[in-house]
Amino acid sequence: MWFACHRRPDRSFFWKGRPFPVCARCTGLYVGYGIGLLLSLWLGPLASFWSVVLIIPLLIDSFTQYWQWRESTNPLRLITGMLAGTGIVLLTIGFAYTAALALTVVDGY
C-alpha cells in the first residue's frame, strides 16, 4: 500500500513492534478525512472560515517544527492532523456545494 508520506519510523506510531505505513501526522489526516465526511453528512456544508480554522493548528505545528523553534510530538501531530483532515474535507465539500449552486443558477435549474 502506498501513501504520500515520508514514513519516518521516529514520527510514526507502532503496532505490535512495527511502524504504521504512514507517520503520525498523516495518520491524523486520514482519520480526519473520515471524520470530515461523517460531519458533512450530519452538518451539511459549513462556512469556509471554520474549515480554515481547523487547518491552522497543523500549519503552526508544522512550521514551528520546520523552523526548529521546537520539536513536535506524535500525539500532537496526530491531533493537528485530525483537525486539518476534517477541515480539508469540510472546506472541499463547502467549495463543491458552492460550485454546484453556482452552476445551478447559471444553468437555470
N, C-alpha and C. Protein backbone atom coordinates (compact mmCIF):
# COMPACT_ATOMS: atom_id res chain seq x y z
N MET A 1 0.85 -1.17 0.00
CA MET A 1 0.00 0.00 0.00
C MET A 1 0.90 1.24 0.00
N TRP A 2 0.61 2.21 -0.85
CA TRP A 2 1.42 3.40 -0.96
C TRP A 2 0.63 4.60 -0.49
N PHE A 3 1.25 5.42 0.33
CA PHE A 3 0.66 6.67 0.78
C PHE A 3 1.68 7.78 0.55
N ALA A 4 1.20 8.97 0.27
CA ALA A 4 2.09 10.11 0.10
C ALA A 4 2.56 10.56 1.49
N CYS A 5 3.66 10.00 1.95
CA CYS A 5 4.14 10.26 3.31
C CYS A 5 5.62 9.91 3.37
N HIS A 6 6.36 10.60 4.23
CA HIS A 6 7.79 10.32 4.36
C HIS A 6 8.05 8.99 5.08
N ARG A 7 7.09 8.51 5.87
CA ARG A 7 7.14 7.21 6.54
C ARG A 7 8.34 7.05 7.48
N ARG A 8 8.73 8.13 8.14
CA ARG A 8 9.85 8.03 9.08
C ARG A 8 9.40 7.28 10.33
N PRO A 9 10.09 6.23 10.71
CA PRO A 9 9.69 5.46 11.89
C PRO A 9 9.67 6.28 13.18
N ASP A 10 10.59 7.26 13.30
CA ASP A 10 10.62 8.06 14.53
C ASP A 10 9.43 9.00 14.64
N ARG A 11 8.70 9.18 13.56
CA ARG A 11 7.49 10.02 13.59
C ARG A 11 6.24 9.20 13.32
N SER A 12 6.32 7.91 13.55
CA SER A 12 5.19 7.02 13.32
C SER A 12 4.78 6.33 14.61
N PHE A 13 3.55 5.88 14.64
CA PHE A 13 3.09 5.04 15.72
C PHE A 13 3.48 3.60 15.40
N PHE A 14 3.56 2.79 16.43
CA PHE A 14 3.91 1.39 16.25
C PHE A 14 2.77 0.50 16.72
N TRP A 15 2.59 -0.60 16.03
CA TRP A 15 1.60 -1.60 16.40
C TRP A 15 2.29 -2.96 16.35
N LYS A 16 2.34 -3.62 17.48
CA LYS A 16 2.99 -4.93 17.60
C LYS A 16 4.43 -4.88 17.09
N GLY A 17 5.13 -3.81 17.44
CA GLY A 17 6.53 -3.68 17.10
C GLY A 17 6.83 -3.21 15.69
N ARG A 18 5.80 -2.93 14.91
CA ARG A 18 6.01 -2.48 13.53
C ARG A 18 5.43 -1.09 13.35
N PRO A 19 6.12 -0.22 12.59
CA PRO A 19 5.60 1.13 12.39
C PRO A 19 4.39 1.13 11.46
N PHE A 20 3.49 2.09 11.70
CA PHE A 20 2.35 2.29 10.79
C PHE A 20 2.91 2.60 9.40
N PRO A 21 2.13 2.37 8.35
CA PRO A 21 2.60 2.67 7.00
C PRO A 21 2.71 4.17 6.71
N VAL A 22 2.18 5.00 7.61
CA VAL A 22 2.27 6.45 7.47
C VAL A 22 2.66 7.06 8.82
N CYS A 23 3.17 8.28 8.80
CA CYS A 23 3.58 8.95 10.03
C CYS A 23 2.35 9.35 10.86
N ALA A 24 2.62 9.87 12.05
CA ALA A 24 1.53 10.25 12.96
C ALA A 24 0.66 11.35 12.37
N ARG A 25 1.28 12.34 11.72
CA ARG A 25 0.50 13.44 11.15
C ARG A 25 -0.39 12.95 10.01
N CYS A 26 0.15 12.11 9.14
CA CYS A 26 -0.66 11.58 8.03
C CYS A 26 -1.74 10.64 8.55
N THR A 27 -1.45 9.89 9.60
CA THR A 27 -2.48 9.06 10.23
C THR A 27 -3.64 9.95 10.67
N GLY A 28 -3.30 11.07 11.31
CA GLY A 28 -4.32 12.02 11.74
C GLY A 28 -5.09 12.60 10.57
N LEU A 29 -4.38 12.93 9.50
CA LEU A 29 -5.06 13.47 8.31
C LEU A 29 -6.07 12.47 7.76
N TYR A 30 -5.67 11.22 7.63
CA TYR A 30 -6.57 10.21 7.07
C TYR A 30 -7.76 9.96 7.98
N VAL A 31 -7.53 9.94 9.30
CA VAL A 31 -8.65 9.81 10.24
C VAL A 31 -9.55 11.04 10.13
N GLY A 32 -8.94 12.22 10.02
CA GLY A 32 -9.71 13.46 9.87
C GLY A 32 -10.55 13.48 8.61
N TYR A 33 -10.05 12.89 7.53
CA TYR A 33 -10.85 12.82 6.31
C TYR A 33 -12.15 12.06 6.58
N GLY A 34 -12.04 10.96 7.29
CA GLY A 34 -13.24 10.19 7.63
C GLY A 34 -14.17 10.96 8.54
N ILE A 35 -13.60 11.63 9.53
CA ILE A 35 -14.42 12.44 10.44
C ILE A 35 -15.12 13.55 9.66
N GLY A 36 -14.38 14.19 8.75
CA GLY A 36 -14.96 15.26 7.95
C GLY A 36 -16.12 14.78 7.09
N LEU A 37 -15.97 13.60 6.51
CA LEU A 37 -17.07 13.05 5.71
C LEU A 37 -18.30 12.78 6.57
N LEU A 38 -18.09 12.20 7.75
CA LEU A 38 -19.22 11.94 8.65
C LEU A 38 -19.87 13.24 9.11
N LEU A 39 -19.04 14.22 9.46
CA LEU A 39 -19.58 15.51 9.90
C LEU A 39 -20.35 16.20 8.78
N SER A 40 -19.86 16.08 7.55
CA SER A 40 -20.55 16.74 6.44
C SER A 40 -21.93 16.14 6.20
N LEU A 41 -22.07 14.84 6.47
CA LEU A 41 -23.39 14.22 6.36
C LEU A 41 -24.34 14.75 7.42
N TRP A 42 -23.79 15.04 8.58
CA TRP A 42 -24.60 15.50 9.71
C TRP A 42 -24.85 17.00 9.66
N LEU A 43 -23.79 17.77 9.35
CA LEU A 43 -23.88 19.23 9.40
C LEU A 43 -24.20 19.87 8.06
N GLY A 44 -23.92 19.19 6.98
CA GLY A 44 -24.05 19.81 5.67
C GLY A 44 -22.83 20.70 5.42
N PRO A 45 -22.84 21.48 4.37
CA PRO A 45 -21.69 22.33 4.07
C PRO A 45 -21.54 23.42 5.13
N LEU A 46 -20.33 23.60 5.61
CA LEU A 46 -20.04 24.63 6.61
C LEU A 46 -19.41 25.84 5.96
N ALA A 47 -19.42 26.93 6.68
CA ALA A 47 -18.72 28.12 6.22
C ALA A 47 -17.23 27.81 6.12
N SER A 48 -16.59 28.31 5.10
CA SER A 48 -15.18 28.01 4.90
C SER A 48 -14.31 28.56 6.02
N PHE A 49 -14.76 29.59 6.72
CA PHE A 49 -13.98 30.15 7.83
C PHE A 49 -13.66 29.08 8.86
N TRP A 50 -14.65 28.32 9.29
CA TRP A 50 -14.43 27.30 10.32
C TRP A 50 -13.59 26.15 9.80
N SER A 51 -13.70 25.86 8.54
CA SER A 51 -12.86 24.82 7.95
C SER A 51 -11.40 25.24 7.97
N VAL A 52 -11.13 26.49 7.65
CA VAL A 52 -9.76 27.00 7.67
C VAL A 52 -9.23 27.04 9.10
N VAL A 53 -10.07 27.40 10.05
CA VAL A 53 -9.66 27.43 11.46
C VAL A 53 -9.16 26.05 11.89
N LEU A 54 -9.79 24.99 11.41
CA LEU A 54 -9.36 23.64 11.76
C LEU A 54 -8.00 23.28 11.15
N ILE A 55 -7.61 23.93 10.08
CA ILE A 55 -6.34 23.64 9.41
C ILE A 55 -5.18 24.40 10.06
N ILE A 56 -5.44 25.53 10.66
CA ILE A 56 -4.39 26.39 11.21
C ILE A 56 -3.48 25.70 12.23
N PRO A 57 -4.01 24.91 13.19
CA PRO A 57 -3.09 24.26 14.14
C PRO A 57 -2.03 23.38 13.48
N LEU A 58 -2.37 22.68 12.40
CA LEU A 58 -1.38 21.87 11.69
C LEU A 58 -0.30 22.76 11.09
N LEU A 59 -0.70 23.88 10.52
CA LEU A 59 0.28 24.79 9.93
C LEU A 59 1.23 25.33 10.99
N ILE A 60 0.69 25.71 12.13
CA ILE A 60 1.52 26.21 13.22
C ILE A 60 2.47 25.12 13.71
N ASP A 61 1.95 23.93 13.94
CA ASP A 61 2.78 22.82 14.41
C ASP A 61 3.86 22.48 13.40
N SER A 62 3.50 22.40 12.14
CA SER A 62 4.46 22.03 11.09
C SER A 62 5.56 23.07 10.93
N PHE A 63 5.16 24.33 10.82
CA PHE A 63 6.16 25.37 10.56
C PHE A 63 7.05 25.65 11.77
N THR A 64 6.50 25.61 12.97
CA THR A 64 7.36 25.84 14.14
C THR A 64 8.37 24.70 14.31
N GLN A 65 8.00 23.51 13.89
CA GLN A 65 8.97 22.41 13.92
C GLN A 65 9.97 22.57 12.78
N TYR A 66 9.49 22.93 11.60
CA TYR A 66 10.37 23.10 10.44
C TYR A 66 11.42 24.19 10.70
N TRP A 67 11.00 25.28 11.33
CA TRP A 67 11.91 26.38 11.63
C TRP A 67 12.78 26.09 12.85
N GLN A 68 12.64 24.88 13.41
CA GLN A 68 13.40 24.41 14.56
C GLN A 68 13.20 25.28 15.80
N TRP A 69 12.00 25.81 15.95
CA TRP A 69 11.66 26.55 17.17
C TRP A 69 11.37 25.58 18.30
N ARG A 70 10.93 24.37 17.93
CA ARG A 70 10.59 23.34 18.92
C ARG A 70 10.45 22.02 18.18
N GLU A 71 10.37 20.93 18.94
CA GLU A 71 10.15 19.61 18.37
C GLU A 71 8.73 19.18 18.71
N SER A 72 7.99 18.79 17.70
CA SER A 72 6.62 18.33 17.90
C SER A 72 6.64 16.89 18.43
N THR A 73 5.49 16.44 18.91
CA THR A 73 5.36 15.07 19.40
C THR A 73 4.35 14.32 18.54
N ASN A 74 4.41 13.01 18.56
CA ASN A 74 3.47 12.23 17.76
C ASN A 74 2.02 12.44 18.16
N PRO A 75 1.68 12.52 19.46
CA PRO A 75 0.28 12.81 19.80
C PRO A 75 -0.19 14.17 19.26
N LEU A 76 0.69 15.18 19.32
CA LEU A 76 0.32 16.49 18.78
C LEU A 76 0.17 16.44 17.27
N ARG A 77 1.06 15.72 16.61
CA ARG A 77 0.95 15.55 15.15
C ARG A 77 -0.36 14.86 14.78
N LEU A 78 -0.74 13.85 15.56
CA LEU A 78 -1.99 13.13 15.31
C LEU A 78 -3.19 14.07 15.45
N ILE A 79 -3.22 14.83 16.54
CA ILE A 79 -4.36 15.72 16.80
C ILE A 79 -4.45 16.82 15.75
N THR A 80 -3.32 17.47 15.45
CA THR A 80 -3.37 18.54 14.44
C THR A 80 -3.70 17.97 13.06
N GLY A 81 -3.23 16.75 12.78
CA GLY A 81 -3.58 16.10 11.52
C GLY A 81 -5.07 15.80 11.43
N MET A 82 -5.66 15.33 12.53
CA MET A 82 -7.09 15.04 12.54
C MET A 82 -7.90 16.32 12.32
N LEU A 83 -7.51 17.40 13.00
CA LEU A 83 -8.22 18.67 12.82
C LEU A 83 -8.11 19.15 11.38
N ALA A 84 -6.89 19.10 10.83
CA ALA A 84 -6.68 19.57 9.46
C ALA A 84 -7.40 18.69 8.45
N GLY A 85 -7.35 17.38 8.63
CA GLY A 85 -8.06 16.47 7.72
C GLY A 85 -9.55 16.76 7.70
N THR A 86 -10.11 16.99 8.89
CA THR A 86 -11.53 17.33 8.98
C THR A 86 -11.79 18.65 8.26
N GLY A 87 -10.94 19.65 8.51
CA GLY A 87 -11.11 20.95 7.87
C GLY A 87 -10.98 20.88 6.36
N ILE A 88 -10.03 20.09 5.88
CA ILE A 88 -9.83 19.97 4.43
C ILE A 88 -11.07 19.38 3.75
N VAL A 89 -11.62 18.33 4.34
CA VAL A 89 -12.82 17.72 3.75
C VAL A 89 -14.00 18.68 3.79
N LEU A 90 -14.20 19.33 4.94
CA LEU A 90 -15.33 20.27 5.05
C LEU A 90 -15.16 21.45 4.10
N LEU A 91 -13.93 21.93 3.94
CA LEU A 91 -13.67 23.02 3.00
C LEU A 91 -13.93 22.57 1.57
N THR A 92 -13.48 21.39 1.21
CA THR A 92 -13.69 20.86 -0.13
C THR A 92 -15.17 20.67 -0.43
N ILE A 93 -15.89 20.11 0.53
CA ILE A 93 -17.33 19.92 0.35
C ILE A 93 -18.05 21.26 0.26
N GLY A 94 -17.61 22.22 1.07
CA GLY A 94 -18.20 23.56 1.00
C GLY A 94 -17.99 24.20 -0.36
N PHE A 95 -16.77 24.08 -0.90
CA PHE A 95 -16.50 24.63 -2.23
C PHE A 95 -17.31 23.90 -3.30
N ALA A 96 -17.40 22.59 -3.19
CA ALA A 96 -18.17 21.81 -4.17
C ALA A 96 -19.64 22.19 -4.12
N TYR A 97 -20.17 22.40 -2.92
CA TYR A 97 -21.56 22.80 -2.76
C TYR A 97 -21.80 24.17 -3.37
N THR A 98 -20.88 25.10 -3.10
CA THR A 98 -20.99 26.45 -3.66
C THR A 98 -20.92 26.41 -5.19
N ALA A 99 -20.00 25.60 -5.72
CA ALA A 99 -19.87 25.48 -7.18
C ALA A 99 -21.13 24.87 -7.78
N ALA A 100 -21.69 23.88 -7.11
CA ALA A 100 -22.92 23.25 -7.60
C ALA A 100 -24.07 24.25 -7.61
N LEU A 101 -24.15 25.08 -6.57
CA LEU A 101 -25.20 26.11 -6.54
C LEU A 101 -24.99 27.12 -7.65
N ALA A 102 -23.75 27.52 -7.88
CA ALA A 102 -23.46 28.48 -8.94
C ALA A 102 -23.82 27.91 -10.31
N LEU A 103 -23.50 26.66 -10.53
CA LEU A 103 -23.85 26.03 -11.81
C LEU A 103 -25.35 25.90 -11.97
N THR A 104 -26.04 25.65 -10.87
CA THR A 104 -27.49 25.55 -10.91
C THR A 104 -28.10 26.88 -11.32
N VAL A 105 -27.58 27.96 -10.77
CA VAL A 105 -28.09 29.30 -11.10
C VAL A 105 -27.78 29.63 -12.55
N VAL A 106 -26.57 29.30 -13.00
CA VAL A 106 -26.16 29.59 -14.37
C VAL A 106 -27.00 28.79 -15.36
N ASP A 107 -27.22 27.52 -15.07
CA ASP A 107 -27.99 26.66 -15.97
C ASP A 107 -29.49 26.90 -15.87
N GLY A 108 -29.93 27.57 -14.82
CA GLY A 108 -31.34 27.87 -14.66
C GLY A 108 -32.19 26.73 -14.14
N TYR A 109 -31.58 25.76 -13.52
CA TYR A 109 -32.36 24.63 -12.97
C TYR A 109 -32.64 24.85 -11.51
